[in-house]
Amino acid sequence: MQSDLSPNKQQSSATEPSGDMVILGRISGVHGVRGWLKVYSYTDPMEAIVNYSSWYMRPANRRSSWQPVVLKQGKRHAKTVVVQLEGCDDRNQAQAYSGYEIAITADQLAALNGLDEFYWRDLIGLQVVNLQGVHLGSVTGLMETGANDVLVVAPAQLTDSRPASHLIPWSFEHVIVSVDLKQSLITVDWQEEWSD
C-alpha cells in the first residue's frame, strides 16, 4: 500500500483544475524573513511533497477556488518541511498563506507498479467481506502503526453483537486476500467477532 505520493512534475496552469484534487498538506507557518513557509506534509516521507513543482492552494475554509502556485525550492528542515513559492519573497507575503491547504491534481500521482500497491485514497469507502462471505463494513480510514498499516472498517449497522469497528492489518501474506477496485471490494481472512 502506498501512503507516499511519488513525484510526477508538471507545469502549473492559470485556470482552476477540472479533475480530482489530492490534498498533500497545509501551510503551518512562516520560516524566517525571506518568504519561506513551514509545511505540514501528509506525504510519506514528509519531504516528498516538494517533488511536485506545481501545487494548488486555497484557504482551509474551502470556500475559495484552488489557485495554482509554483514551488521555487523546498527541503526538510528538522521535523518539518520548508518551501519558497514563486512570488513570495518576504515574511508579510508568507504570512498571508498561513493555514492554506496544498493539493495536486490526481493525474499528477505516479502510476503504481504492483498488484498489491494502492493509494490510501482509493481504499476509502471500499466494502470489506471475509472468506465466509460476511460483510464486515466499509473502510473509513487507515492508520500507520510500527509493524504495518491498518484498515479501519466500520460496520454498515451497529448492533449489540457486532463490534463498533474492525482494525484489520494490511498484510497480503496473512490477512488481505484480494482488493478489487472495480467491484469496490476487499476480501479478508478475518472473523466477524474480532474487533478493535
C-alpha atoms as a PDB file:
ATOM      1  CA  MET A   1       0.000   0.000   0.000  1.00  0.00           C
ATOM      2  CA  GLN A   2       1.322   3.444  -0.869  1.00  0.00           C
ATOM      3  CA  SER A   3       0.851   6.293   1.517  1.00  0.00           C
ATOM      4  CA  ASP A   4       3.571   8.314  -0.120  1.00  0.00           C
ATOM      5  CA  LEU A   5       2.865  10.406  -3.170  1.00  0.00           C
ATOM      6  CA  SER A   6       5.591   9.816  -5.699  1.00  0.00           C
ATOM      7  CA  PRO A   7       6.629  12.767  -7.853  1.00  0.00           C
ATOM      8  CA  ASN A   8       5.302  13.491 -11.293  1.00  0.00           C
ATOM      9  CA  LYS A   9       6.331  17.047 -12.037  1.00  0.00           C
ATOM     10  CA  GLN A  10       4.000  19.064 -14.234  1.00  0.00           C
ATOM     11  CA  GLN A  11       3.667  22.707 -15.092  1.00  0.00           C
ATOM     12  CA  SER A  12       1.024  24.727 -13.335  1.00  0.00           C
ATOM     13  CA  SER A  13      -1.831  26.180 -15.370  1.00  0.00           C
ATOM     14  CA  ALA A  14      -3.518  29.511 -14.887  1.00  0.00           C
ATOM     15  CA  THR A  15      -7.008  28.017 -14.677  1.00  0.00           C
ATOM     16  CA  GLU A  16      -8.946  26.226 -11.967  1.00  0.00           C
ATOM     17  CA  PRO A  17      -8.173  22.468 -12.151  1.00  0.00           C
ATOM     18  CA  SER A  18     -11.001  20.343 -13.501  1.00  0.00           C
ATOM     19  CA  GLY A  19     -10.122  16.919 -12.055  1.00  0.00           C
ATOM     20  CA  ASP A  20      -9.993  15.378  -8.603  1.00  0.00           C
ATOM     21  CA  MET A  21      -7.721  17.120  -6.141  1.00  0.00           C
ATOM     22  CA  VAL A  22      -5.407  15.295  -3.745  1.00  0.00           C
ATOM     23  CA  ILE A  23      -4.576  17.281  -0.621  1.00  0.00           C
ATOM     24  CA  LEU A  24      -0.894  16.834   0.261  1.00  0.00           C
ATOM     25  CA  GLY A  25      -0.583  19.098   3.293  1.00  0.00           C
ATOM     26  CA  ARG A  26      -1.072  22.601   4.614  1.00  0.00           C
ATOM     27  CA  ILE A  27       0.924  25.715   5.396  1.00  0.00           C
ATOM     28  CA  SER A  28       1.587  25.718   9.145  1.00  0.00           C
ATOM     29  CA  GLY A  29       3.526  28.981   9.484  1.00  0.00           C
ATOM     30  CA  VAL A  30       6.399  31.105   8.231  1.00  0.00           C
ATOM     31  CA  HIS A  31      10.119  30.414   8.390  1.00  0.00           C
ATOM     32  CA  GLY A  32      12.489  33.366   8.519  1.00  0.00           C
ATOM     33  CA  VAL A  33      12.101  36.741   6.800  1.00  0.00           C
ATOM     34  CA  ARG A  34      12.644  35.853   3.120  1.00  0.00           C
ATOM     35  CA  GLY A  35       9.248  34.368   2.304  1.00  0.00           C
ATOM     36  CA  TRP A  36       9.842  30.770   3.341  1.00  0.00           C
ATOM     37  CA  LEU A  37       6.866  28.771   4.594  1.00  0.00           C
ATOM     38  CA  LYS A  38       6.586  25.859   7.014  1.00  0.00           C
ATOM     39  CA  VAL A  39       4.603  22.944   5.594  1.00  0.00           C
ATOM     40  CA  TYR A  40       2.774  20.208   7.476  1.00  0.00           C
ATOM     41  CA  SER A  41       3.072  17.394   4.930  1.00  0.00           C
ATOM     42  CA  TYR A  42       0.775  14.361   4.645  1.00  0.00           C
ATOM     43  CA  THR A  43       3.186  12.550   2.305  1.00  0.00           C
ATOM     44  CA  ASP A  44       5.465   9.725   3.381  1.00  0.00           C
ATOM     45  CA  PRO A  45       8.257  10.593   3.574  1.00  0.00           C
ATOM     46  CA  MET A  46       7.224  14.128   4.503  1.00  0.00           C
ATOM     47  CA  GLU A  47       9.720  15.768   2.120  1.00  0.00           C
ATOM     48  CA  ALA A  48       8.125  14.007  -0.900  1.00  0.00           C
ATOM     49  CA  ILE A  49       5.730  16.958  -1.075  1.00  0.00           C
ATOM     50  CA  VAL A  50       8.493  19.106  -2.599  1.00  0.00           C
ATOM     51  CA  ASN A  51       8.861  16.702  -5.538  1.00  0.00           C
ATOM     52  CA  TYR A  52       5.799  18.300  -7.123  1.00  0.00           C
ATOM     53  CA  SER A  53       6.737  21.590  -8.759  1.00  0.00           C
ATOM     54  CA  SER A  54       3.131  22.608  -9.394  1.00  0.00           C
ATOM     55  CA  TRP A  55       0.799  22.979  -6.461  1.00  0.00           C
ATOM     56  CA  TYR A  56      -2.693  24.310  -5.998  1.00  0.00           C
ATOM     57  CA  MET A  57      -3.539  26.180  -2.816  1.00  0.00           C
ATOM     58  CA  ARG A  58      -6.620  27.606  -1.123  1.00  0.00           C
ATOM     59  CA  PRO A  59      -7.604  28.842   2.328  1.00  0.00           C
ATOM     60  CA  ALA A  60      -8.593  25.994   4.658  1.00  0.00           C
ATOM     61  CA  ASN A  61     -12.217  27.240   4.820  1.00  0.00           C
ATOM     62  CA  ARG A  62     -12.675  25.657   1.353  1.00  0.00           C
ATOM     63  CA  ARG A  63     -14.925  28.438   0.113  1.00  0.00           C
ATOM     64  CA  SER A  64     -12.296  29.645  -2.321  1.00  0.00           C
ATOM     65  CA  SER A  65     -11.126  28.130  -5.595  1.00  0.00           C
ATOM     66  CA  TRP A  66      -7.856  26.273  -5.933  1.00  0.00           C
ATOM     67  CA  GLN A  67      -5.162  28.640  -7.216  1.00  0.00           C
ATOM     68  CA  PRO A  68      -2.023  27.400  -8.997  1.00  0.00           C
ATOM     69  CA  VAL A  69       1.351  28.186  -7.409  1.00  0.00           C
ATOM     70  CA  VAL A  70       4.872  27.237  -8.431  1.00  0.00           C
ATOM     71  CA  LEU A  71       7.311  25.844  -5.899  1.00  0.00           C
ATOM     72  CA  LYS A  72      10.731  27.521  -6.251  1.00  0.00           C
ATOM     73  CA  GLN A  73      12.519  25.366  -3.708  1.00  0.00           C
ATOM     74  CA  GLY A  74      11.868  23.213  -0.689  1.00  0.00           C
ATOM     75  CA  LYS A  75      13.592  20.911   1.768  1.00  0.00           C
ATOM     76  CA  ARG A  76      13.233  19.030   5.013  1.00  0.00           C
ATOM     77  CA  HIS A  77      14.230  21.188   7.973  1.00  0.00           C
ATOM     78  CA  ALA A  78      14.395  19.405  11.348  1.00  0.00           C
ATOM     79  CA  LYS A  79      10.905  17.958  11.968  1.00  0.00           C
ATOM     80  CA  THR A  80       9.151  19.936   9.252  1.00  0.00           C
ATOM     81  CA  VAL A  81       9.413  20.907   5.589  1.00  0.00           C
ATOM     82  CA  VAL A  82      10.144  24.464   4.468  1.00  0.00           C
ATOM     83  CA  VAL A  83       9.403  25.840   0.997  1.00  0.00           C
ATOM     84  CA  GLN A  84       9.553  29.023  -1.005  1.00  0.00           C
ATOM     85  CA  LEU A  85       6.902  29.816  -3.594  1.00  0.00           C
ATOM     86  CA  GLU A  86       7.417  31.856  -6.731  1.00  0.00           C
ATOM     87  CA  GLY A  87       6.437  35.467  -5.971  1.00  0.00           C
ATOM     88  CA  CYS A  88       6.605  35.033  -2.191  1.00  0.00           C
ATOM     89  CA  ASP A  89       9.766  36.881  -1.182  1.00  0.00           C
ATOM     90  CA  ASP A  90       9.177  38.314   2.291  1.00  0.00           C
ATOM     91  CA  ARG A  91       7.634  37.424   5.630  1.00  0.00           C
ATOM     92  CA  ASN A  92       4.497  39.536   5.101  1.00  0.00           C
ATOM     93  CA  GLN A  93       3.680  37.748   1.846  1.00  0.00           C
ATOM     94  CA  ALA A  94       4.377  34.385   3.509  1.00  0.00           C
ATOM     95  CA  GLN A  95       2.041  35.132   6.442  1.00  0.00           C
ATOM     96  CA  ALA A  96      -0.856  35.560   4.022  1.00  0.00           C
ATOM     97  CA  TYR A  97      -0.585  31.828   3.184  1.00  0.00           C
ATOM     98  CA  SER A  98      -0.873  30.631   6.797  1.00  0.00           C
ATOM     99  CA  GLY A  99      -3.413  27.822   7.056  1.00  0.00           C
ATOM    100  CA  TYR A 100      -3.708  27.270   3.296  1.00  0.00           C
ATOM    101  CA  GLU A 101      -4.229  23.716   2.010  1.00  0.00           C
ATOM    102  CA  ILE A 102      -1.812  22.325  -0.566  1.00  0.00           C
ATOM    103  CA  ALA A 103      -3.038  19.980  -3.311  1.00  0.00           C
ATOM    104  CA  ILE A 104      -2.184  18.500  -6.681  1.00  0.00           C
ATOM    105  CA  THR A 105      -4.447  17.063  -9.343  1.00  0.00           C
ATOM    106  CA  ALA A 106      -4.995  13.299  -9.177  1.00  0.00           C
ATOM    107  CA  ASP A 107      -3.357  12.846 -12.583  1.00  0.00           C
ATOM    108  CA  GLN A 108      -0.068  14.110 -11.111  1.00  0.00           C
ATOM    109  CA  LEU A 109       0.156  10.965  -8.972  1.00  0.00           C
ATOM    110  CA  ALA A 110       2.578   8.377 -10.280  1.00  0.00           C
ATOM    111  CA  ALA A 111       1.115   5.145 -11.615  1.00  0.00           C
ATOM    112  CA  LEU A 112       1.564   2.236  -9.218  1.00  0.00           C
ATOM    113  CA  ASN A 113       3.525  -0.783 -10.380  1.00  0.00           C
ATOM    114  CA  GLY A 114       2.446  -3.778  -8.333  1.00  0.00           C
ATOM    115  CA  LEU A 115      -0.789  -5.696  -7.932  1.00  0.00           C
ATOM    116  CA  ASP A 116      -0.714  -5.056  -4.189  1.00  0.00           C
ATOM    117  CA  GLU A 117       0.017  -1.306  -4.341  1.00  0.00           C
ATOM    118  CA  PHE A 118      -2.768   1.184  -3.714  1.00  0.00           C
ATOM    119  CA  TYR A 119      -3.086   4.798  -2.716  1.00  0.00           C
ATOM    120  CA  TRP A 120      -4.909   5.140   0.584  1.00  0.00           C
ATOM    121  CA  ARG A 121      -7.433   7.452  -1.031  1.00  0.00           C
ATOM    122  CA  ASP A 122      -8.524   4.602  -3.346  1.00  0.00           C
ATOM    123  CA  LEU A 123      -9.321   2.275  -0.414  1.00  0.00           C
ATOM    124  CA  ILE A 124     -11.633   4.631   1.490  1.00  0.00           C
ATOM    125  CA  GLY A 125     -15.250   3.535   1.031  1.00  0.00           C
ATOM    126  CA  LEU A 126     -14.487   0.022  -0.251  1.00  0.00           C
ATOM    127  CA  GLN A 127     -16.666  -2.750   1.167  1.00  0.00           C
ATOM    128  CA  VAL A 128     -14.937  -5.457   3.212  1.00  0.00           C
ATOM    129  CA  VAL A 129     -16.051  -9.114   3.316  1.00  0.00           C
ATOM    130  CA  ASN A 130     -14.376 -12.106   4.916  1.00  0.00           C
ATOM    131  CA  LEU A 131     -13.757 -15.569   3.434  1.00  0.00           C
ATOM    132  CA  GLN A 132     -17.096 -16.764   4.849  1.00  0.00           C
ATOM    133  CA  GLY A 133     -18.906 -14.069   2.836  1.00  0.00           C
ATOM    134  CA  VAL A 134     -19.786 -11.964   5.897  1.00  0.00           C
ATOM    135  CA  HIS A 135     -19.945  -8.244   5.167  1.00  0.00           C
ATOM    136  CA  LEU A 136     -17.762  -6.567   7.819  1.00  0.00           C
ATOM    137  CA  GLY A 137     -18.428  -2.974   6.720  1.00  0.00           C
ATOM    138  CA  SER A 138     -16.636  -0.314   4.716  1.00  0.00           C
ATOM    139  CA  VAL A 139     -13.201   1.250   5.006  1.00  0.00           C
ATOM    140  CA  THR A 140     -13.480   4.597   6.784  1.00  0.00           C
ATOM    141  CA  GLY A 141      -9.789   5.260   7.266  1.00  0.00           C
ATOM    142  CA  LEU A 142      -6.269   3.906   7.554  1.00  0.00           C
ATOM    143  CA  MET A 143      -3.686   4.155  10.285  1.00  0.00           C
ATOM    144  CA  GLU A 144       0.060   3.766  10.358  1.00  0.00           C
ATOM    145  CA  THR A 145       1.475   1.587  13.095  1.00  0.00           C
ATOM    146  CA  GLY A 146       5.011   0.458  13.737  1.00  0.00           C
ATOM    147  CA  ALA A 147       4.512  -3.008  12.268  1.00  0.00           C
ATOM    148  CA  ASN A 148       2.136  -2.407   9.343  1.00  0.00           C
ATOM    149  CA  ASP A 149      -0.679  -0.183   8.184  1.00  0.00           C
ATOM    150  CA  VAL A 150      -4.199  -0.893   9.457  1.00  0.00           C
ATOM    151  CA  LEU A 151      -7.620  -0.608   7.779  1.00  0.00           C
ATOM    152  CA  VAL A 152     -10.350   0.962   9.916  1.00  0.00           C
ATOM    153  CA  VAL A 153     -13.596  -0.776   8.930  1.00  0.00           C
ATOM    154  CA  ALA A 154     -16.957   0.426  10.250  1.00  0.00           C
ATOM    155  CA  PRO A 155     -19.985  -1.882  10.040  1.00  0.00           C
ATOM    156  CA  ALA A 156     -22.982  -0.795   7.999  1.00  0.00           C
ATOM    157  CA  GLN A 157     -25.225  -1.267  11.044  1.00  0.00           C
ATOM    158  CA  LEU A 158     -24.272  -1.203  14.697  1.00  0.00           C
ATOM    159  CA  THR A 159     -25.785  -3.958  16.817  1.00  0.00           C
ATOM    160  CA  ASP A 160     -25.015  -5.385  20.234  1.00  0.00           C
ATOM    161  CA  SER A 161     -23.437  -8.441  18.602  1.00  0.00           C
ATOM    162  CA  ARG A 162     -21.195  -6.518  16.179  1.00  0.00           C
ATOM    163  CA  PRO A 163     -18.086  -4.580  17.131  1.00  0.00           C
ATOM    164  CA  ALA A 164     -18.091  -0.801  16.656  1.00  0.00           C
ATOM    165  CA  SER A 165     -15.204  -1.155  14.204  1.00  0.00           C
ATOM    166  CA  HIS A 166     -12.615  -3.583  12.943  1.00  0.00           C
ATOM    167  CA  LEU A 167      -8.928  -2.715  12.845  1.00  0.00           C
ATOM    168  CA  ILE A 168      -7.622  -5.034  10.155  1.00  0.00           C
ATOM    169  CA  PRO A 169      -3.873  -5.321   9.492  1.00  0.00           C
ATOM    170  CA  TRP A 170      -2.833  -4.527   5.930  1.00  0.00           C
ATOM    171  CA  SER A 171      -0.891  -7.733   5.289  1.00  0.00           C
ATOM    172  CA  PHE A 172      -1.208  -9.524   1.957  1.00  0.00           C
ATOM    173  CA  GLU A 173       0.639 -12.532   3.344  1.00  0.00           C
ATOM    174  CA  HIS A 174      -1.719 -13.125   6.259  1.00  0.00           C
ATOM    175  CA  VAL A 175      -4.934 -11.083   6.172  1.00  0.00           C
ATOM    176  CA  ILE A 176      -5.688  -9.285   2.880  1.00  0.00           C
ATOM    177  CA  VAL A 177      -6.811 -11.862   0.315  1.00  0.00           C
ATOM    178  CA  SER A 178      -7.721  -9.546  -2.570  1.00  0.00           C
ATOM    179  CA  VAL A 179      -8.566  -5.961  -3.490  1.00  0.00           C
ATOM    180  CA  ASP A 180     -10.901  -5.320  -6.410  1.00  0.00           C
ATOM    181  CA  LEU A 181     -11.177  -1.588  -7.090  1.00  0.00           C
ATOM    182  CA  LYS A 182     -13.653  -2.139  -9.934  1.00  0.00           C
ATOM    183  CA  GLN A 183     -16.024  -4.022  -7.618  1.00  0.00           C
ATOM    184  CA  SER A 184     -15.182  -1.722  -4.644  1.00  0.00           C
ATOM    185  CA  LEU A 185     -14.418  -4.831  -2.608  1.00  0.00           C
ATOM    186  CA  ILE A 186     -11.690  -6.062  -0.256  1.00  0.00           C
ATOM    187  CA  THR A 187     -11.709  -9.726   0.779  1.00  0.00           C
ATOM    188  CA  VAL A 188     -10.006 -10.526   4.080  1.00  0.00           C
ATOM    189  CA  ASP A 189      -9.133 -13.540   6.218  1.00  0.00           C
ATOM    190  CA  TRP A 190     -10.723 -12.006   9.330  1.00  0.00           C
ATOM    191  CA  GLN A 191     -13.507 -13.142  11.631  1.00  0.00           C
ATOM    192  CA  GLU A 192     -16.621 -11.078  12.283  1.00  0.00           C
ATOM    193  CA  GLU A 193     -16.271 -11.319  16.053  1.00  0.00           C
ATOM    194  CA  TRP A 194     -12.722  -9.949  16.072  1.00  0.00           C
ATOM    195  CA  SER A 195     -12.901  -6.293  16.978  1.00  0.00           C
ATOM    196  CA  ASP A 196     -10.635  -3.434  17.858  1.00  0.00           C
END
